[in-house]
């Protein structure tokens, strides 16, 4: 799934907000939307320590997720340098 020029991240999230969050359809759309966001060229993510360079090049590395105030969280950045600094700091 990717976003067309007419679609925005906000529109995709709005679609999700009107669905039953416990349904299989919601979970499928949620995962596809999340993957599309992460695959945007304007977005940088932090991957897990075990991710290989090949996985990064193939855009298949496991995204680093953690807990922030007991909420499952992944960090997205719009600047490559900030993402690198974050990853280096929390190495």
Protein backbone atom coordinates (compact mmCIF):
# COMPACT_ATOMS: atom_id res chain seq x y z
CA UNK A 1 0.00 0.00 0.00
CA UNK A 2 1.25 3.44 -0.81
CA UNK A 3 -0.38 6.82 -0.85
CA UNK A 4 -1.48 8.39 -4.10
CA UNK A 5 -0.94 12.09 -4.60
CA UNK A 6 -4.54 12.73 -3.62
CA UNK A 7 -4.37 10.72 -0.40
CA UNK A 8 -2.79 11.99 2.76
CA UNK A 9 -1.73 10.30 5.95
CA UNK A 10 -4.48 12.20 7.76
CA UNK A 11 -7.13 10.81 5.40
CA UNK A 12 -5.96 7.25 5.99
CA UNK A 13 -5.98 7.75 9.75
CA UNK A 14 -9.45 9.28 9.54
CA UNK A 15 -10.67 6.15 7.70
CA UNK A 16 -9.33 4.04 10.56
CA UNK A 17 -11.02 6.17 13.20
CA UNK A 18 -14.44 5.21 11.83
CA UNK A 19 -13.80 1.46 12.03
CA UNK A 20 -14.22 -1.08 14.81
CA UNK A 21 -10.67 -1.34 16.16
CA UNK A 22 -11.13 -4.97 17.17
CA UNK A 23 -12.08 -6.15 13.67
CA UNK A 24 -9.76 -8.04 11.35
CA UNK A 25 -10.48 -5.47 8.64
CA UNK A 26 -9.28 -2.68 10.93
CA UNK A 27 -6.10 -4.52 11.87
CA UNK A 28 -5.30 -5.24 8.23
CA UNK A 29 -5.89 -1.64 7.16
CA UNK A 30 -3.98 -0.38 10.21
CA UNK A 31 -0.94 -2.49 9.34
CA UNK A 32 -1.04 -1.47 5.67
CA UNK A 33 -1.38 2.21 6.59
CA UNK A 34 1.47 2.00 9.07
CA UNK A 35 3.70 0.28 6.53
CA UNK A 36 2.85 2.92 3.91
CA UNK A 37 3.74 5.71 6.34
CA UNK A 38 7.05 4.09 7.24
CA UNK A 39 7.87 3.60 3.55
CA UNK A 40 7.46 7.30 2.71
CA UNK A 41 10.75 8.74 1.47
CA UNK A 42 10.25 11.73 3.76
CA UNK A 43 10.16 9.56 6.89
CA UNK A 44 13.09 8.01 8.74
CA UNK A 45 12.63 5.29 11.32
CA UNK A 46 14.92 3.59 13.79
CA UNK A 47 15.33 -0.14 13.23
CA UNK A 48 16.18 -2.81 15.78
CA UNK A 49 19.82 -3.56 16.59
CA UNK A 50 19.66 -6.94 14.85
CA UNK A 51 18.64 -5.48 11.49
CA UNK A 52 21.19 -6.07 8.73
CA UNK A 53 22.28 -3.57 6.10
CA UNK A 54 20.63 -5.77 3.47
CA UNK A 55 17.32 -5.59 5.33
CA UNK A 56 17.62 -1.81 5.51
CA UNK A 57 18.31 -1.59 1.77
CA UNK A 58 15.29 -3.85 1.08
CA UNK A 59 13.15 -1.83 3.49
CA UNK A 60 12.39 -5.01 5.41
CA UNK A 61 14.17 -4.38 8.71
CA UNK A 62 12.34 -4.65 11.99
CA UNK A 63 11.32 -1.21 13.23
CA UNK A 64 12.43 -0.35 16.76
CA UNK A 65 9.43 -0.14 19.04
CA UNK A 66 9.37 0.66 22.71
CA UNK A 67 7.17 1.88 25.50
CA UNK A 68 6.66 5.57 26.12
CA UNK A 69 4.55 6.16 29.25
CA UNK A 70 3.42 2.51 28.92
CA UNK A 71 2.15 3.13 25.38
CA UNK A 72 3.64 1.05 22.54
CA UNK A 73 5.54 3.54 20.41
CA UNK A 74 7.73 3.76 17.33
CA UNK A 75 9.66 6.86 16.47
CA UNK A 76 9.37 8.55 13.08
CA UNK A 77 11.59 11.41 11.98
CA UNK A 78 11.47 13.83 9.07
CA UNK A 79 15.19 14.60 9.25
CA UNK A 80 17.79 11.89 8.65
CA UNK A 81 20.35 13.50 10.95
CA UNK A 82 17.94 13.62 13.89
CA UNK A 83 17.08 9.93 13.37
CA UNK A 84 20.79 9.05 13.35
CA UNK A 85 21.45 11.06 16.49
CA UNK A 86 18.50 9.43 18.26
CA UNK A 87 19.66 5.95 17.28
CA UNK A 88 23.23 6.69 18.35
CA UNK A 89 22.12 8.14 21.68
CA UNK A 90 19.95 5.12 22.54
CA UNK A 91 22.33 2.53 21.12
